Amino acid sequence: MKAKDLDKKFDEGKSILEQLDLSKARRPEQEQKRVNVDFPLWMIHLLDKEAKRLGVPRQSIIKIWLAERLQKASS
């Protein structure tokens, strides 16, 4: 399928998923790498309390807060 035909189909609101090879799809800059971080117990308790209040896992809070701080620092 030519790009202009794909664009037209997409613009018309039709599904183009069957035209894509999703097995090779990537999200640049979104690859994950596991790291270990040691936190003091008081910090873990506060993180868990906030995570419970928001109904999300502790890891989510850490990721969101770090992302916010890094974005702020890079501005």
Protein backbone atom coordinates (compact mmCIF):
# COMPACT_ATOMS: atom_id res chain seq x y z
CA MET A 1 0.00 0.00 0.00
CA LYS A 2 1.31 3.44 -0.88
CA ALA A 3 1.72 6.05 1.83
CA LYS A 4 -0.93 8.35 0.34
CA ASP A 5 -3.45 5.48 0.35
CA LEU A 6 -2.59 4.65 3.96
CA ASP A 7 -2.96 8.33 4.92
CA LYS A 8 -6.32 8.55 3.17
CA LYS A 9 -7.61 5.44 4.91
CA PHE A 10 -6.44 6.78 8.28
CA ASP A 11 -7.94 10.22 7.64
CA GLU A 12 -11.26 8.57 6.82
CA GLY A 13 -11.22 6.96 10.25
CA LYS A 14 -10.70 3.44 8.94
CA SER A 15 -8.45 0.94 10.69
CA ILE A 16 -4.94 0.67 9.31
CA LEU A 17 -3.75 -1.91 11.84
CA GLU A 18 -3.80 -4.74 9.32
CA GLN A 19 -1.29 -2.76 7.25
CA LEU A 20 1.22 -2.48 10.11
CA ASP A 21 3.80 -4.98 11.33
CA LEU A 22 3.41 -4.40 15.07
CA SER A 23 5.96 -7.09 15.94
CA LYS A 24 8.67 -4.60 15.01
CA ALA A 25 7.07 -1.56 16.63
CA ARG A 26 9.22 0.38 19.12
CA ARG A 27 8.71 3.33 21.39
CA PRO A 28 11.96 5.31 21.20
CA GLU A 29 13.24 6.54 24.54
CA GLN A 30 10.66 4.30 26.27
CA GLU A 31 12.70 1.12 26.61
CA GLN A 32 12.98 0.08 30.21
CA LYS A 33 15.99 -0.84 32.28
CA ARG A 34 15.74 -2.20 35.78
CA VAL A 35 17.61 -0.33 38.51
CA ASN A 36 17.82 -0.96 42.23
CA VAL A 37 17.47 1.92 44.64
CA ASP A 38 17.72 1.66 48.41
CA PHE A 39 15.30 3.89 50.34
CA PRO A 40 15.13 4.44 54.09
CA LEU A 41 12.14 2.77 55.75
CA TRP A 42 10.45 6.06 56.61
CA MET A 43 10.43 6.94 52.91
CA ILE A 44 9.00 3.54 51.95
CA HIS A 45 6.21 3.98 54.49
CA LEU A 46 5.30 7.40 53.13
CA LEU A 47 5.46 6.16 49.53
CA ASP A 48 3.19 3.24 50.41
CA LYS A 49 0.75 5.53 52.19
CA GLU A 50 0.54 7.84 49.19
CA ALA A 51 0.29 4.91 46.78
CA LYS A 52 -2.60 3.46 48.78
CA ARG A 53 -4.35 6.83 48.88
CA LEU A 54 -4.12 7.12 45.09
CA GLY A 55 -4.79 3.44 44.46
CA VAL A 56 -1.61 2.84 42.48
CA PRO A 57 1.53 0.77 43.04
CA ARG A 58 4.50 2.30 44.81
CA GLN A 59 6.56 2.01 41.63
CA SER A 60 4.08 4.22 39.76
CA ILE A 61 4.43 7.02 42.29
CA ILE A 62 8.21 6.85 42.13
CA LYS A 63 8.19 6.95 38.32
CA ILE A 64 5.72 9.84 38.12
CA TRP A 65 7.49 11.94 40.75
CA LEU A 66 10.90 11.33 39.21
CA ALA A 67 9.61 12.18 35.73
CA GLU A 68 8.05 15.41 37.01
CA ARG A 69 11.24 16.41 38.79
CA LEU A 70 13.45 15.60 35.79
CA GLN A 71 11.19 17.55 33.44
CA LYS A 72 11.23 20.50 35.79
CA ALA A 73 15.02 20.34 36.12
CA SER A 74 15.53 20.20 32.36
CA SER A 75 13.33 23.25 31.68
